[in-house]
Each structure stands twice: as structure tokens, then as C-alpha cells.
């Protein structure tokens, strides 16, 4: 997805659910979302838009462990802490550190 596509997706979701709800889902403040929509966001717009794509987009990535998965599932796996609860979880933790969610 291009930056323009991700910004349009953000606009669509804000129109559908409201800025406060979208901010909550993305883990950003409502003012950050408002500033991004106005083109005045001082933080990393790329990081914010990547989060938009992770949560609301339909992009997929090829995971070395699980095969083709959604970017959202990839993001969830990358953020999980290490836990030796089962071999798959250990494998995911190790591979996610190497891969970083790159398509």
C-alpha cells in the first residue's frame, strides 16, 4: 500500500468510526490522528500509517513459519514476548526478530 492509500484508509475509517475510536484502536492519541489528517503531525507519519495498515488493511506477508498471513497477524506475533510454552511460539519469536514483518 502506498502512503496515499494508507492515508485514504485512515480517512475512511475515521469517517466510519470517529477519530477517537480509531485512535484507541491504533494506540495513538485522538489529537495525533487529527493532526495526521490535517497534515500537521510532527511525529513519524510513516509509523502511524504502518499501524493503520496493520490494523485496517488487507495486506499479507509471507511468514517463514506460518506461510502467508495478514500483516495484522504478523504484527501481533512480532509484539508478543518470548515464552517457551510451545515450539511454534519459540520459532515465531526467533523468526520475527529476524524478519521484522517485511513483505
N, C-alpha and C. Protein backbone atom coordinates (compact mmCIF):
# COMPACT_ATOMS: atom_id res chain seq x y z
N UNK A 1 0.83 -1.19 0.00
CA UNK A 1 0.00 0.00 0.00
C UNK A 1 0.88 1.25 0.00
N UNK A 2 0.49 2.23 -0.76
CA UNK A 2 1.24 3.48 -0.79
C UNK A 2 0.82 4.36 0.38
N UNK A 3 1.60 5.38 0.62
CA UNK A 3 1.27 6.35 1.68
C UNK A 3 -0.10 6.96 1.43
N UNK A 4 -0.39 7.29 0.19
CA UNK A 4 -1.68 7.87 -0.17
C UNK A 4 -2.81 6.91 0.14
N UNK A 5 -2.62 5.63 -0.20
CA UNK A 5 -3.64 4.61 0.08
C UNK A 5 -3.88 4.47 1.58
N UNK A 6 -2.80 4.46 2.35
CA UNK A 6 -2.94 4.31 3.80
C UNK A 6 -3.60 5.53 4.42
N UNK A 7 -3.31 6.71 3.91
CA UNK A 7 -3.96 7.93 4.41
C UNK A 7 -5.45 7.91 4.07
N UNK A 8 -5.78 7.46 2.88
CA UNK A 8 -7.19 7.36 2.49
C UNK A 8 -7.91 6.33 3.37
N UNK A 9 -7.26 5.23 3.68
CA UNK A 9 -7.84 4.23 4.58
C UNK A 9 -8.08 4.84 5.96
N UNK A 10 -7.15 5.63 6.45
CA UNK A 10 -7.33 6.32 7.73
C UNK A 10 -8.54 7.25 7.68
N UNK A 11 -8.66 8.00 6.61
CA UNK A 11 -9.81 8.92 6.46
C UNK A 11 -11.13 8.15 6.45
N UNK A 12 -11.16 7.05 5.70
CA UNK A 12 -12.38 6.24 5.61
C UNK A 12 -12.78 5.69 6.97
N UNK A 13 -11.81 5.17 7.69
CA UNK A 13 -12.12 4.57 8.99
C UNK A 13 -12.54 5.63 10.01
N UNK A 14 -11.93 6.81 9.93
CA UNK A 14 -12.33 7.91 10.83
C UNK A 14 -13.76 8.35 10.52
N UNK A 15 -14.12 8.39 9.24
CA UNK A 15 -15.49 8.75 8.87
C UNK A 15 -16.48 7.69 9.36
N UNK A 16 -16.05 6.44 9.32
CA UNK A 16 -16.92 5.34 9.73
C UNK A 16 -17.07 5.23 11.24
N UNK A 17 -15.96 5.34 11.99
CA UNK A 17 -15.98 5.08 13.42
C UNK A 17 -15.72 6.30 14.30
N UNK A 18 -15.19 7.38 13.74
CA UNK A 18 -14.83 8.55 14.51
C UNK A 18 -13.35 8.52 14.88
N UNK A 19 -12.77 9.69 15.01
CA UNK A 19 -11.33 9.80 15.28
C UNK A 19 -10.93 9.20 16.63
N UNK A 20 -11.76 9.40 17.64
CA UNK A 20 -11.42 8.90 18.98
C UNK A 20 -11.35 7.36 18.98
N UNK A 21 -12.29 6.71 18.33
CA UNK A 21 -12.29 5.25 18.28
C UNK A 21 -11.10 4.72 17.48
N UNK A 22 -10.81 5.36 16.37
CA UNK A 22 -9.67 4.94 15.55
C UNK A 22 -8.38 5.13 16.33
N UNK A 23 -8.25 6.24 17.03
CA UNK A 23 -7.07 6.50 17.85
C UNK A 23 -6.90 5.39 18.89
N UNK A 24 -7.99 5.01 19.53
CA UNK A 24 -7.93 3.94 20.54
C UNK A 24 -7.47 2.63 19.91
N UNK A 25 -8.02 2.28 18.77
CA UNK A 25 -7.65 1.02 18.10
C UNK A 25 -6.20 1.01 17.64
N UNK A 26 -5.70 2.17 17.24
CA UNK A 26 -4.33 2.26 16.74
C UNK A 26 -3.30 2.42 17.86
N UNK A 27 -3.76 2.86 19.03
CA UNK A 27 -2.83 3.10 20.13
C UNK A 27 -2.19 4.48 20.05
N UNK A 28 -2.86 5.41 19.41
CA UNK A 28 -2.41 6.79 19.31
C UNK A 28 -3.42 7.69 20.00
N UNK A 29 -3.03 8.93 20.24
CA UNK A 29 -3.96 9.88 20.85
C UNK A 29 -4.90 10.43 19.76
N UNK A 30 -6.10 10.84 20.17
CA UNK A 30 -7.01 11.45 19.19
C UNK A 30 -6.41 12.69 18.52
N UNK A 31 -5.62 13.45 19.27
CA UNK A 31 -5.01 14.64 18.68
C UNK A 31 -3.98 14.26 17.61
N UNK A 32 -3.27 13.15 17.80
CA UNK A 32 -2.31 12.68 16.79
C UNK A 32 -3.04 12.32 15.50
N UNK A 33 -4.17 11.65 15.62
CA UNK A 33 -4.95 11.28 14.44
C UNK A 33 -5.46 12.54 13.74
N UNK A 34 -5.96 13.48 14.50
CA UNK A 34 -6.45 14.74 13.95
C UNK A 34 -5.34 15.48 13.21
N UNK A 35 -4.18 15.56 13.81
CA UNK A 35 -3.04 16.23 13.18
C UNK A 35 -2.61 15.52 11.90
N UNK A 36 -2.62 14.19 11.93
CA UNK A 36 -2.25 13.43 10.73
C UNK A 36 -3.21 13.73 9.59
N UNK A 37 -4.49 13.78 9.90
CA UNK A 37 -5.49 14.06 8.87
C UNK A 37 -5.35 15.47 8.30
N UNK A 38 -4.89 16.40 9.12
CA UNK A 38 -4.71 17.79 8.68
C UNK A 38 -3.34 18.03 8.03
N UNK A 39 -2.45 17.03 8.10
CA UNK A 39 -1.11 17.18 7.53
C UNK A 39 -0.16 17.92 8.43
N UNK A 40 -0.47 17.96 9.73
CA UNK A 40 0.36 18.71 10.68
C UNK A 40 1.00 17.81 11.73
N UNK A 41 0.98 16.51 11.52
CA UNK A 41 1.53 15.58 12.51
C UNK A 41 3.04 15.70 12.57
N UNK A 42 3.58 15.93 13.77
CA UNK A 42 5.02 16.15 13.94
C UNK A 42 5.80 14.85 14.17
N UNK A 43 5.11 13.79 14.50
CA UNK A 43 5.78 12.50 14.73
C UNK A 43 6.05 11.81 13.40
N UNK A 44 6.36 10.54 13.48
CA UNK A 44 6.62 9.76 12.27
C UNK A 44 5.29 9.35 11.64
N UNK A 45 4.92 10.02 10.57
CA UNK A 45 3.69 9.70 9.87
C UNK A 45 3.76 8.30 9.30
N UNK A 46 4.93 7.88 8.87
CA UNK A 46 5.08 6.54 8.32
C UNK A 46 4.75 5.47 9.37
N UNK A 47 5.21 5.67 10.61
CA UNK A 47 4.89 4.71 11.68
C UNK A 47 3.39 4.66 11.93
N UNK A 48 2.75 5.81 11.96
CA UNK A 48 1.30 5.87 12.19
C UNK A 48 0.56 5.17 11.05
N UNK A 49 0.96 5.46 9.82
CA UNK A 49 0.28 4.85 8.67
C UNK A 49 0.56 3.36 8.55
N UNK A 50 1.73 2.93 8.99
CA UNK A 50 2.01 1.49 9.03
C UNK A 50 1.06 0.81 10.00
N UNK A 51 0.82 1.45 11.13
CA UNK A 51 -0.13 0.91 12.11
C UNK A 51 -1.54 0.87 11.53
N UNK A 52 -1.92 1.89 10.76
CA UNK A 52 -3.23 1.89 10.09
C UNK A 52 -3.34 0.68 9.18
N UNK A 53 -2.29 0.42 8.42
CA UNK A 53 -2.30 -0.72 7.50
C UNK A 53 -2.35 -2.04 8.27
N UNK A 54 -1.62 -2.12 9.37
CA UNK A 54 -1.63 -3.35 10.18
C UNK A 54 -3.02 -3.65 10.72
N UNK A 55 -3.71 -2.64 11.20
CA UNK A 55 -4.99 -2.83 11.85
C UNK A 55 -6.15 -2.93 10.85
N UNK A 56 -6.17 -2.08 9.84
CA UNK A 56 -7.32 -2.00 8.96
C UNK A 56 -7.07 -2.49 7.53
N UNK A 57 -5.83 -2.68 7.16
CA UNK A 57 -5.52 -3.06 5.79
C UNK A 57 -5.73 -4.54 5.51
N UNK A 58 -5.56 -4.90 4.26
CA UNK A 58 -5.73 -6.29 3.84
C UNK A 58 -4.43 -6.89 3.33
N UNK A 59 -3.32 -6.22 3.58
CA UNK A 59 -2.02 -6.70 3.11
C UNK A 59 -1.65 -8.01 3.79
N UNK A 60 -0.91 -8.81 3.05
CA UNK A 60 -0.39 -10.06 3.60
C UNK A 60 1.12 -10.09 3.46
N UNK A 61 1.75 -10.92 4.26
CA UNK A 61 3.20 -11.14 4.19
C UNK A 61 3.44 -12.64 4.20
N UNK A 62 4.60 -13.03 3.74
CA UNK A 62 4.98 -14.44 3.80
C UNK A 62 5.82 -14.65 5.05
N UNK A 63 5.26 -15.34 6.00
CA UNK A 63 5.94 -15.65 7.25
C UNK A 63 6.76 -16.93 7.05
N UNK A 64 8.03 -16.93 7.46
CA UNK A 64 8.84 -18.13 7.30
C UNK A 64 8.33 -19.32 8.11
N UNK A 65 7.51 -19.04 9.11
CA UNK A 65 6.99 -20.10 9.97
C UNK A 65 5.56 -20.49 9.60
N UNK A 66 4.70 -19.49 9.37
CA UNK A 66 3.27 -19.75 9.17
C UNK A 66 2.80 -19.68 7.72
N UNK A 67 3.67 -19.25 6.82
CA UNK A 67 3.25 -19.08 5.43
C UNK A 67 2.62 -17.70 5.24
N UNK A 68 1.66 -17.60 4.34
CA UNK A 68 1.02 -16.31 4.07
C UNK A 68 0.03 -15.97 5.18
N UNK A 69 0.27 -14.81 5.81
CA UNK A 69 -0.59 -14.35 6.90
C UNK A 69 -0.87 -12.86 6.71
N UNK A 70 -1.89 -12.37 7.39
CA UNK A 70 -2.19 -10.94 7.31
C UNK A 70 -1.10 -10.14 8.02
N UNK A 71 -0.95 -8.91 7.60
CA UNK A 71 0.03 -8.02 8.24
C UNK A 71 -0.34 -7.82 9.71
N UNK A 72 -1.63 -7.83 10.01
CA UNK A 72 -2.08 -7.69 11.39
C UNK A 72 -1.60 -8.86 12.25
N UNK A 73 -1.76 -10.08 11.73
CA UNK A 73 -1.31 -11.27 12.46
C UNK A 73 0.20 -11.23 12.65
N UNK A 74 0.91 -10.79 11.63
CA UNK A 74 2.36 -10.65 11.71
C UNK A 74 2.73 -9.67 12.82
N UNK A 75 2.06 -8.54 12.84
CA UNK A 75 2.32 -7.52 13.86
C UNK A 75 2.07 -8.07 15.26
N UNK A 76 0.97 -8.79 15.41
CA UNK A 76 0.64 -9.37 16.72
C UNK A 76 1.73 -10.34 17.17
N UNK A 77 2.21 -11.17 16.26
CA UNK A 77 3.26 -12.13 16.60
C UNK A 77 4.58 -11.43 16.95
N UNK A 78 4.92 -10.36 16.22
CA UNK A 78 6.16 -9.62 16.48
C UNK A 78 6.17 -8.98 17.86
N UNK A 79 5.00 -8.59 18.34
CA UNK A 79 4.90 -7.87 19.61
C UNK A 79 4.80 -8.80 20.83
N UNK A 80 4.62 -10.07 20.59
CA UNK A 80 4.49 -11.00 21.71
C UNK A 80 5.86 -11.22 22.37
N UNK A 81 5.87 -11.27 23.69
CA UNK A 81 7.14 -11.52 24.38
C UNK A 81 7.55 -12.99 24.24
N UNK A 82 8.80 -13.25 24.50
CA UNK A 82 9.27 -14.64 24.45
C UNK A 82 8.60 -15.46 25.53
N UNK A 83 8.17 -16.66 25.13
CA UNK A 83 7.61 -17.62 26.07
C UNK A 83 7.85 -19.01 25.49
N UNK A 84 8.53 -19.83 26.24
CA UNK A 84 8.84 -21.18 25.77
C UNK A 84 7.69 -22.13 26.06
N UNK A 85 6.46 -21.69 25.76
CA UNK A 85 5.28 -22.50 26.06
C UNK A 85 5.05 -23.60 25.05
N UNK A 86 5.51 -23.39 23.81
CA UNK A 86 5.44 -24.46 22.82
C UNK A 86 6.45 -24.16 21.72
N UNK A 87 6.85 -25.17 20.96
CA UNK A 87 7.89 -24.99 19.94
C UNK A 87 7.53 -23.97 18.87
N UNK A 88 6.27 -23.88 18.47
CA UNK A 88 5.87 -22.93 17.45
C UNK A 88 6.06 -21.49 17.94
N UNK A 89 5.71 -21.25 19.18
CA UNK A 89 5.87 -19.91 19.75
C UNK A 89 7.36 -19.51 19.78
N UNK A 90 8.23 -20.44 20.12
CA UNK A 90 9.67 -20.17 20.14
C UNK A 90 10.15 -19.88 18.72
N UNK A 91 9.71 -20.68 17.77
CA UNK A 91 10.08 -20.49 16.37
C UNK A 91 9.64 -19.11 15.87
N UNK A 92 8.40 -18.74 16.18
CA UNK A 92 7.89 -17.44 15.77
C UNK A 92 8.71 -16.31 16.38
N UNK A 93 9.00 -16.41 17.65
CA UNK A 93 9.77 -15.36 18.32
C UNK A 93 11.11 -15.16 17.62
N UNK A 94 11.80 -16.23 17.34
CA UNK A 94 13.12 -16.14 16.70
C UNK A 94 13.03 -15.58 15.28
N UNK A 95 12.08 -16.07 14.51
CA UNK A 95 11.94 -15.61 13.12
C UNK A 95 11.46 -14.17 13.04
N UNK A 96 10.56 -13.79 13.93
CA UNK A 96 10.04 -12.41 13.92
C UNK A 96 11.13 -11.39 14.20
N UNK A 97 12.09 -11.74 15.02
CA UNK A 97 13.21 -10.84 15.30
C UNK A 97 14.05 -10.63 14.04
N UNK A 98 14.20 -11.68 13.23
CA UNK A 98 14.99 -11.58 12.00
C UNK A 98 14.23 -10.86 10.90
N UNK A 99 12.98 -11.21 10.74
CA UNK A 99 12.17 -10.74 9.62
C UNK A 99 11.67 -9.31 9.81
N UNK A 100 11.10 -9.01 10.95
CA UNK A 100 10.59 -7.67 11.23
C UNK A 100 9.34 -7.30 10.45
N UNK A 101 8.65 -8.28 9.85
CA UNK A 101 7.41 -8.00 9.14
C UNK A 101 7.59 -7.51 7.72
N UNK A 102 8.76 -7.71 7.15
CA UNK A 102 8.99 -7.27 5.78
C UNK A 102 8.26 -8.21 4.82
N UNK A 103 7.59 -7.64 3.81
CA UNK A 103 6.89 -8.49 2.84
C UNK A 103 7.83 -9.32 2.00
